[in-house]
């Protein structure tokens, strides 16, 4: 529903004199005084604020911004409106405005108080079905590699960690996002600044969503968050397809696993990272970040592909991808060699077992081509510690590039 901001602008007051010579005596005049009162209307579009912390707002009349509890941060609509920013750092608070920010108490300072801090998102209008969370800042603790041991349960997030991790006696940090549909994104932790997440909110006008952070006494490092929440109507053309926790547009973009910036593959991940099929493009290819070609090597840190399970150095697609993998439906390396499952990829490189020998001399593996437009991500709640060469399982940093139909 389009909502219009109303700004009343007093333009002028004019006096018009009319002389009716035939009907009135000389010098008799009828003075008619009237005012022109104009209403300037503008849509409540997104706007760029003057804040370096809360960079986006909603264009509203100044009075409307104040009445809704927002803060004016710059002008919009040719100066007739203000860029209104909605934010809260109060645990337990509720915001119902589109484009709202949820921050840790004291932000932009860091935060270290253990325990839970939750926020509620109420719908700004009845036909909201989906939320997009942009992690402008999200830095939390994560259970890291402490010793290299194949059975160590690293990458755990949240209060349950103390019961499953032998090397830790205290719970870890987490961000849990829930709606009303029962289909929620995975619980995450670690550094995820610049990433995003979609949530199905529910179709009832009264449905709400909850963003709950948990800071455990066992975590260390910087804790800080600034999360922008955008509300998306059920009929919006830019709504993410149902079942997509991440949604990328454009012909090429990097896609990283949650926690990858911390160099740690997270436990209990099960979601789809989807790419919008652009007009005139019929397939996707996936490659490791930092790798431009088949012969290209990468020296990025963290390693752009570090999953568990595969048996041998340099192997990717494998029937033993059980504990963690990425799913690329119908993945094809273009080598003409059989790829076994051709859907499930794990280990230290994005390539297949039967291709390993043929590609060994060429360095990193060839891009994986597919006609599907999603990347499935899975890890269980167990062995996330190491990949086949006893180095950290870092998750992934992959780049997709769409290929023209011709």
Protein backbone atom coordinates (compact mmCIF):
# COMPACT_ATOMS: atom_id res chain seq x y z
CA UNK A 1 0.00 0.00 0.00
CA UNK A 2 1.41 3.36 -1.03
CA UNK A 3 1.46 5.84 1.81
CA UNK A 4 1.90 9.53 1.14
CA UNK A 5 3.57 11.99 3.42
CA UNK A 6 1.61 15.27 3.70
CA UNK A 7 3.40 18.55 4.17
CA UNK A 8 1.25 21.67 4.41
CA UNK A 9 3.03 24.64 2.91
CA UNK A 10 1.64 28.16 3.20
CA UNK A 11 2.42 29.73 -0.12
CA UNK A 12 0.98 33.21 -0.10
CA UNK A 13 -1.96 35.50 0.76
CA UNK A 14 -3.24 37.68 -2.05
CA UNK A 15 -5.75 40.49 -2.16
CA UNK A 16 -7.80 40.78 -5.35
CA UNK A 17 -9.66 43.97 -6.11
CA UNK A 18 -12.63 43.94 -8.45
CA UNK A 19 -14.22 47.20 -9.67
CA UNK A 20 -17.76 46.91 -11.11
CA UNK A 21 -18.24 50.31 -12.66
CA UNK A 22 -21.79 49.85 -13.91
CA UNK A 23 -23.30 48.48 -10.74
CA UNK A 24 -21.50 50.43 -8.04
CA UNK A 25 -21.05 54.10 -7.33
CA UNK A 26 -17.74 55.77 -7.91
CA UNK A 27 -15.17 54.79 -5.40
CA UNK A 28 -17.22 51.85 -4.17
CA UNK A 29 -15.24 48.69 -4.36
CA UNK A 30 -15.62 45.08 -3.33
CA UNK A 31 -12.48 43.77 -1.72
CA UNK A 32 -12.17 40.05 -1.67
CA UNK A 33 -9.29 38.60 0.29
CA UNK A 34 -8.37 34.92 0.02
CA UNK A 35 -5.41 32.63 0.75
CA UNK A 36 -3.93 29.87 -1.32
CA UNK A 37 -3.11 26.77 0.76
CA UNK A 38 -1.14 24.10 -1.09
CA UNK A 39 -0.50 20.51 -0.05
CA UNK A 40 2.75 18.95 -1.20
CA UNK A 41 2.61 15.17 -1.44
CA UNK A 42 5.53 12.76 -1.69
CA UNK A 43 5.89 8.97 -1.37
CA UNK A 44 7.44 7.49 1.75
CA UNK A 45 10.38 6.05 -0.14
CA UNK A 46 13.67 4.89 1.30
CA UNK A 47 16.21 7.68 1.64
CA UNK A 48 19.87 8.09 2.45
CA UNK A 49 20.35 9.66 5.86
CA UNK A 50 23.13 11.95 7.02
CA UNK A 51 24.14 9.41 9.69
CA UNK A 52 27.26 7.30 9.28
CA UNK A 53 25.74 4.64 11.56
CA UNK A 54 22.13 4.40 10.35
CA UNK A 55 22.58 5.09 6.66
CA UNK A 56 19.02 4.44 5.45
CA UNK A 57 15.69 5.88 6.52
CA UNK A 58 12.15 6.59 5.34
CA UNK A 59 11.14 9.92 3.78
CA UNK A 60 8.44 11.41 6.03
CA UNK A 61 7.07 14.75 7.04
CA UNK A 62 8.93 16.10 10.05
CA UNK A 63 5.81 15.96 12.23
CA UNK A 64 5.07 12.37 11.20
CA UNK A 65 8.66 11.33 11.94
CA UNK A 66 8.40 12.81 15.44
CA UNK A 67 4.99 11.27 16.15
CA UNK A 68 6.25 7.80 15.20
CA UNK A 69 9.32 8.03 17.41
CA UNK A 70 11.88 8.41 14.64
CA UNK A 71 14.86 10.73 14.36
CA UNK A 72 15.30 13.18 11.49
CA UNK A 73 18.64 12.64 9.79
CA UNK A 74 18.91 14.84 6.71
CA UNK A 75 16.31 16.00 4.21
CA UNK A 76 14.48 14.36 1.31
CA UNK A 77 11.72 15.14 -1.20
CA UNK A 78 13.45 18.35 -2.29
CA UNK A 79 13.56 19.53 1.30
CA UNK A 80 9.86 19.05 2.02
CA UNK A 81 10.52 15.88 4.05
CA UNK A 82 13.09 14.49 6.45
CA UNK A 83 14.96 11.20 6.21
CA UNK A 84 13.47 9.54 9.29
CA UNK A 85 15.55 6.86 11.01
CA UNK A 86 14.06 4.29 13.39
CA UNK A 87 16.42 2.49 15.75
CA UNK A 88 16.55 0.93 19.18
CA UNK A 89 19.20 -0.57 21.43
CA UNK A 90 16.79 -1.37 24.28
CA UNK A 91 16.48 -5.08 24.94
CA UNK A 92 12.83 -6.12 24.77
CA UNK A 93 11.83 -3.21 22.51
CA UNK A 94 9.42 -3.48 19.56
CA UNK A 95 9.68 -1.59 16.27
CA UNK A 96 6.95 -1.59 13.65
CA UNK A 97 8.42 0.76 11.07
CA UNK A 98 9.97 -0.37 7.82
CA UNK A 99 13.74 0.09 7.60
CA UNK A 100 14.47 -0.11 11.32
CA UNK A 101 17.79 -0.70 13.07
CA UNK A 102 18.43 -2.95 16.04
CA UNK A 103 21.76 -2.43 17.80
CA UNK A 104 23.52 -3.68 20.87
CA UNK A 105 23.16 -1.46 23.96
CA UNK A 106 25.71 1.34 23.76
CA UNK A 107 26.36 0.90 20.02
CA UNK A 108 28.73 1.77 18.36
CA UNK A 109 30.62 0.73 21.49
CA UNK A 110 31.12 -3.00 21.95
CA UNK A 111 28.98 -5.05 24.32
CA UNK A 112 29.98 -7.80 26.74
CA UNK A 113 27.05 -8.36 29.10
CA UNK A 114 26.27 -12.09 29.15
CA UNK A 115 22.76 -13.38 28.64
CA UNK A 116 19.92 -12.71 26.21
CA UNK A 117 18.84 -9.51 24.48
CA UNK A 118 15.83 -9.76 22.19
CA UNK A 119 13.91 -7.41 19.91
CA UNK A 120 10.48 -7.75 18.32
CA UNK A 121 9.49 -6.70 14.80
CA UNK A 122 5.80 -5.91 14.26
CA UNK A 123 4.36 -5.42 10.78
CA UNK A 124 4.26 -1.91 9.39
CA UNK A 125 1.21 -2.90 7.30
CA UNK A 126 -1.02 -5.94 7.07
CA UNK A 127 0.37 -7.44 3.85
CA UNK A 128 3.97 -7.88 5.04
CA UNK A 129 5.16 -11.47 4.55
CA UNK A 130 8.94 -11.34 4.68
CA UNK A 131 11.84 -9.60 6.40
CA UNK A 132 15.32 -8.93 5.10
CA UNK A 133 18.04 -8.50 7.71
CA UNK A 134 21.19 -6.70 6.62
CA UNK A 135 24.09 -7.16 9.01
CA UNK A 136 25.72 -3.76 8.71
CA UNK A 137 27.74 -4.91 11.73
CA UNK A 138 27.58 -8.37 13.30
CA UNK A 139 30.54 -9.54 15.34
CA UNK A 140 30.06 -12.31 17.88
CA UNK A 141 32.10 -15.09 19.39
CA UNK A 142 32.34 -18.57 17.91
CA UNK A 143 33.86 -21.80 19.21
CA UNK A 144 37.19 -21.85 17.30
CA UNK A 145 39.75 -24.53 16.54
CA UNK A 146 41.56 -25.16 19.82
CA UNK A 147 43.29 -28.42 19.00
CA UNK A 148 43.33 -30.35 15.75
CA UNK A 149 41.16 -33.34 16.48
CA UNK A 150 38.73 -34.92 14.06
CA UNK A 151 36.03 -35.43 16.69
CA UNK A 152 36.07 -31.97 18.26
CA UNK A 153 32.79 -30.11 17.89
CA UNK A 154 33.86 -26.62 16.86
CA UNK A 155 31.67 -23.98 15.26
CA UNK A 156 28.86 -24.30 17.78
CA UNK A 157 26.62 -21.29 18.46
CA UNK A 158 24.43 -20.66 21.49
CA UNK A 159 23.54 -21.89 24.92
CA UNK A 160 23.56 -25.58 23.93
CA UNK A 161 27.31 -25.55 23.25
CA UNK A 162 28.25 -26.29 26.85
CA UNK A 163 26.54 -29.67 26.67
CA UNK A 164 28.18 -30.91 23.46
CA UNK A 165 31.69 -29.45 23.45
CA UNK A 166 34.16 -31.30 25.59
CA UNK A 167 36.76 -28.54 25.45
CA UNK A 168 34.44 -25.81 26.69
CA UNK A 169 32.46 -25.55 29.90
CA UNK A 170 30.57 -22.38 29.02
CA UNK A 171 27.97 -21.50 26.35
CA UNK A 172 28.82 -19.46 23.29
CA UNK A 173 27.30 -16.49 21.44
CA UNK A 174 24.41 -16.70 18.98
CA UNK A 175 21.85 -14.82 16.92
CA UNK A 176 18.47 -16.54 16.58
CA UNK A 177 15.83 -15.18 14.20
CA UNK A 178 12.29 -16.58 14.33
CA UNK A 179 8.96 -15.86 12.66
CA UNK A 180 5.54 -17.52 12.86
CA UNK A 181 5.81 -20.05 10.02
CA UNK A 182 8.00 -22.63 11.75
CA UNK A 183 10.57 -22.29 8.94
CA UNK A 184 13.39 -20.19 10.33
CA UNK A 185 17.00 -19.41 9.33
CA UNK A 186 19.82 -21.25 11.11
CA UNK A 187 21.24 -20.00 14.38
CA UNK A 188 24.51 -18.19 13.62
CA UNK A 189 27.48 -16.65 15.40
CA UNK A 190 30.96 -15.35 14.57
CA UNK A 191 31.68 -12.41 12.29
CA UNK A 192 29.02 -11.85 9.62
CA UNK A 193 29.33 -8.14 8.82
CA UNK A 194 28.06 -7.40 5.30
CA UNK A 195 25.99 -10.58 5.06
CA UNK A 196 22.20 -10.79 5.06
CA UNK A 197 19.30 -13.10 5.94
CA UNK A 198 15.65 -13.51 4.88
CA UNK A 199 12.83 -14.59 7.18
CA UNK A 200 9.28 -15.67 6.37
CA UNK A 201 7.29 -13.65 8.89
CA UNK A 202 3.82 -15.16 8.50
CA UNK A 203 0.68 -14.01 6.67
CA UNK A 204 -1.48 -12.76 9.56
CA UNK A 205 -1.53 -9.04 10.25
CA UNK A 206 -0.66 -9.75 13.89
CA UNK A 207 2.35 -11.97 13.14
CA UNK A 208 5.65 -10.78 14.57
CA UNK A 209 9.31 -11.77 14.38
CA UNK A 210 11.98 -11.97 17.05
CA UNK A 211 15.70 -11.22 16.86
CA UNK A 212 17.38 -12.75 19.89
CA UNK A 213 21.07 -12.42 20.69
CA UNK A 214 22.78 -14.52 23.32
CA UNK A 215 26.19 -13.73 24.73
CA UNK A 216 27.80 -16.68 26.47
CA UNK A 217 30.42 -16.53 29.16
CA UNK A 218 32.60 -18.89 27.15
CA UNK A 219 32.99 -16.55 24.16
CA UNK A 220 35.70 -13.97 23.73
CA UNK A 221 36.43 -11.13 21.33
CA UNK A 222 34.39 -8.21 20.06
CA UNK A 223 30.60 -8.35 20.39
CA UNK A 224 28.74 -5.76 18.40
CA UNK A 225 25.69 -5.63 16.16
CA UNK A 226 23.82 -3.17 13.97
CA UNK A 227 21.07 -4.95 12.03
CA UNK A 228 18.86 -3.21 9.49
CA UNK A 229 15.42 -4.81 9.11
CA UNK A 230 13.43 -4.20 5.92
CA UNK A 231 9.81 -5.33 5.59
CA UNK A 232 8.66 -6.84 2.28
CA UNK A 233 5.03 -7.11 1.18
CA UNK A 234 3.58 -10.42 0.03
CA UNK A 235 3.19 -9.16 -3.55
CA UNK A 236 6.52 -7.32 -3.89
CA UNK A 237 8.46 -8.14 -7.05
CA UNK A 238 11.69 -8.13 -5.05
CA UNK A 239 10.49 -10.66 -2.50
CA UNK A 240 12.90 -13.58 -2.13
CA UNK A 241 11.57 -17.00 -3.23
CA UNK A 242 10.17 -19.04 -0.35
CA UNK A 243 12.89 -21.23 1.15
CA UNK A 244 15.77 -18.87 0.39
CA UNK A 245 17.61 -17.64 3.47
CA UNK A 246 19.97 -15.62 1.29
CA UNK A 247 19.01 -14.04 -2.05
CA UNK A 248 21.46 -12.47 -4.48
CA UNK A 249 20.72 -10.41 -7.58
CA UNK A 250 22.93 -9.50 -10.52
CA UNK A 251 25.00 -11.64 -12.86
CA UNK A 252 27.88 -12.15 -10.42
CA UNK A 253 28.39 -11.83 -6.66
CA UNK A 254 30.34 -13.46 -3.82
CA UNK A 255 28.44 -15.79 -1.49
CA UNK A 256 29.93 -16.71 1.88
CA UNK A 257 28.84 -19.11 4.58
CA UNK A 258 27.85 -17.65 7.92
CA UNK A 259 30.87 -17.42 10.21
CA UNK A 260 33.37 -17.65 7.36
CA UNK A 261 34.93 -14.31 8.25
CA UNK A 262 35.85 -15.89 11.58
CA UNK A 263 37.51 -18.75 9.70
CA UNK A 264 35.10 -21.30 11.12
CA UNK A 265 32.46 -23.52 9.57
CA UNK A 266 29.36 -23.32 11.78
CA UNK A 267 27.36 -26.26 13.04
CA UNK A 268 23.68 -26.96 12.36
CA UNK A 269 23.37 -25.07 9.08
CA UNK A 270 20.67 -26.12 6.61
CA UNK A 271 19.52 -23.46 4.15
CA UNK A 272 19.52 -22.28 0.53
CA UNK A 273 21.48 -19.34 -0.85
CA UNK A 274 19.54 -18.39 -4.01
CA UNK A 275 20.51 -16.31 -7.03
CA UNK A 276 17.93 -14.51 -9.13
CA UNK A 277 18.00 -15.68 -12.74
CA UNK A 278 18.66 -12.54 -14.72
CA UNK A 279 17.03 -11.85 -18.08
CA UNK A 280 18.89 -13.57 -20.91
CA UNK A 281 20.88 -15.90 -18.63
CA UNK A 282 20.31 -19.66 -18.45
CA UNK A 283 22.94 -21.12 -16.11
CA UNK A 284 25.22 -20.44 -13.15
CA UNK A 285 28.84 -21.27 -12.52
CA UNK A 286 30.42 -21.41 -9.07
CA UNK A 287 34.12 -20.95 -8.31
CA UNK A 288 36.25 -20.24 -5.29
CA UNK A 289 36.88 -16.56 -4.53
CA UNK A 290 40.34 -15.43 -5.59
CA UNK A 291 40.38 -17.90 -8.47
CA UNK A 292 39.90 -16.47 -11.95
CA UNK A 293 40.41 -19.62 -14.02
CA UNK A 294 41.17 -23.34 -13.97
CA UNK A 295 44.88 -22.64 -13.55
CA UNK A 296 44.34 -19.87 -11.03
CA UNK A 297 45.36 -20.44 -7.44
CA UNK A 298 44.07 -18.53 -4.46
CA UNK A 299 45.85 -17.27 -1.39
CA UNK A 300 42.81 -15.79 0.32
CA UNK A 301 42.48 -16.11 4.06
CA UNK A 302 40.32 -17.69 5.36
CA UNK A 303 40.55 -20.47 2.80
CA UNK A 304 37.62 -19.98 0.36
CA UNK A 305 36.57 -23.63 0.53
CA UNK A 306 37.15 -25.68 3.66
CA UNK A 307 34.48 -28.27 4.43
CA UNK A 308 34.77 -31.60 6.26
CA UNK A 309 34.62 -35.25 5.18
CA UNK A 310 36.32 -35.81 1.79
CA UNK A 311 39.09 -38.37 2.11
CA UNK A 312 41.99 -36.94 0.15
CA UNK A 313 43.67 -33.57 -0.23
CA UNK A 314 42.16 -31.60 -3.09
CA UNK A 315 39.00 -33.68 -3.40
CA UNK A 316 35.61 -32.10 -3.34
CA UNK A 317 32.54 -33.96 -4.53
CA UNK A 318 32.37 -37.24 -2.66
CA UNK A 319 29.97 -39.95 -1.55
CA UNK A 320 31.34 -39.36 1.96
CA UNK A 321 30.04 -35.78 2.18
CA UNK A 322 27.96 -36.46 5.27
CA UNK A 323 28.84 -33.96 8.00
CA UNK A 324 28.99 -30.85 5.82
CA UNK A 325 28.70 -29.93 2.16
CA UNK A 326 27.36 -27.51 -0.43
CA UNK A 327 24.71 -28.79 -2.81
CA UNK A 328 25.01 -27.75 -6.47
CA UNK A 329 22.27 -29.54 -8.37
CA UNK A 330 23.60 -31.09 -11.57
CA UNK A 331 27.06 -29.63 -11.05
CA UNK A 332 29.37 -30.13 -14.04
CA UNK A 333 33.09 -29.34 -14.16
CA UNK A 334 33.14 -29.49 -17.95
CA UNK A 335 35.90 -32.11 -18.01
CA UNK A 336 33.90 -34.89 -19.62
CA UNK A 337 34.83 -37.10 -16.66
CA UNK A 338 32.16 -38.77 -14.54
CA UNK A 339 31.49 -36.82 -11.36
CA UNK A 340 29.75 -39.42 -9.25
CA UNK A 341 27.01 -37.73 -7.27
CA UNK A 342 27.68 -34.38 -9.02
CA UNK A 343 25.49 -32.62 -6.50
CA UNK A 344 27.34 -32.77 -3.17
CA UNK A 345 30.70 -31.06 -2.64
CA UNK A 346 32.90 -31.07 0.44
CA UNK A 347 36.55 -31.34 1.49
CA UNK A 348 39.21 -28.80 0.61
CA UNK A 349 38.36 -27.82 -2.95
CA UNK A 350 35.31 -27.41 -5.15
CA UNK A 351 36.01 -30.39 -7.43
CA UNK A 352 35.16 -34.05 -7.78
CA UNK A 353 37.04 -37.18 -6.74
CA UNK A 354 37.40 -38.61 -10.24
CA UNK A 355 38.62 -35.24 -11.54
CA UNK A 356 41.26 -34.77 -8.83
CA UNK A 357 44.14 -36.41 -10.70
CA UNK A 358 43.32 -34.75 -14.00
CA UNK A 359 43.14 -31.32 -12.41
CA UNK A 360 45.98 -31.65 -9.91
CA UNK A 361 48.55 -30.07 -12.20
CA UNK A 362 46.29 -27.12 -12.94
CA UNK A 363 46.06 -25.87 -9.38
CA UNK A 364 42.62 -25.04 -8.05
CA UNK A 365 39.56 -26.67 -9.62
CA UNK A 366 37.49 -25.52 -12.56
CA UNK A 367 34.25 -23.61 -11.99
CA UNK A 368 31.21 -25.81 -11.43
CA UNK A 369 28.45 -25.14 -13.96
CA UNK A 370 24.78 -25.80 -13.29
CA UNK A 371 21.36 -24.83 -14.63
CA UNK A 372 20.05 -24.39 -11.09
CA UNK A 373 20.02 -21.02 -9.35
CA UNK A 374 20.60 -21.96 -5.74
CA UNK A 375 23.35 -23.26 -3.49
CA UNK A 376 22.32 -25.63 -0.73
CA UNK A 377 24.32 -25.43 2.51
CA UNK A 378 24.44 -28.17 5.14
CA UNK A 379 26.39 -28.95 8.28
CA UNK A 380 25.36 -31.17 11.15
CA UNK A 381 25.73 -30.62 14.89
CA UNK A 382 28.85 -32.75 15.13
CA UNK A 383 32.29 -32.79 13.55
CA UNK A 384 33.00 -29.31 12.19
CA UNK A 385 36.61 -29.22 13.33
CA UNK A 386 38.87 -30.20 10.44
CA UNK A 387 38.91 -31.04 6.77
CA UNK A 388 41.01 -33.86 5.32
CA UNK A 389 44.44 -32.31 5.85
CA UNK A 390 43.80 -31.46 9.50
CA UNK A 391 43.42 -27.73 8.89
CA UNK A 392 40.48 -25.63 9.96
CA UNK A 393 37.14 -26.17 8.25
CA UNK A 394 36.51 -22.57 7.25
CA UNK A 395 33.25 -22.85 5.35
CA UNK A 396 33.20 -21.19 1.95
CA UNK A 397 33.61 -17.98 0.00
CA UNK A 398 32.34 -18.68 -3.52
CA UNK A 399 31.51 -16.48 -6.48
CA UNK A 400 28.65 -17.21 -8.84
CA UNK A 401 28.60 -15.95 -12.41
CA UNK A 402 25.56 -16.34 -14.63
CA UNK A 403 26.04 -17.47 -18.21
CA UNK A 404 24.11 -16.05 -21.15
CA UNK A 405 21.64 -18.38 -22.87
CA UNK A 406 23.47 -18.12 -26.17
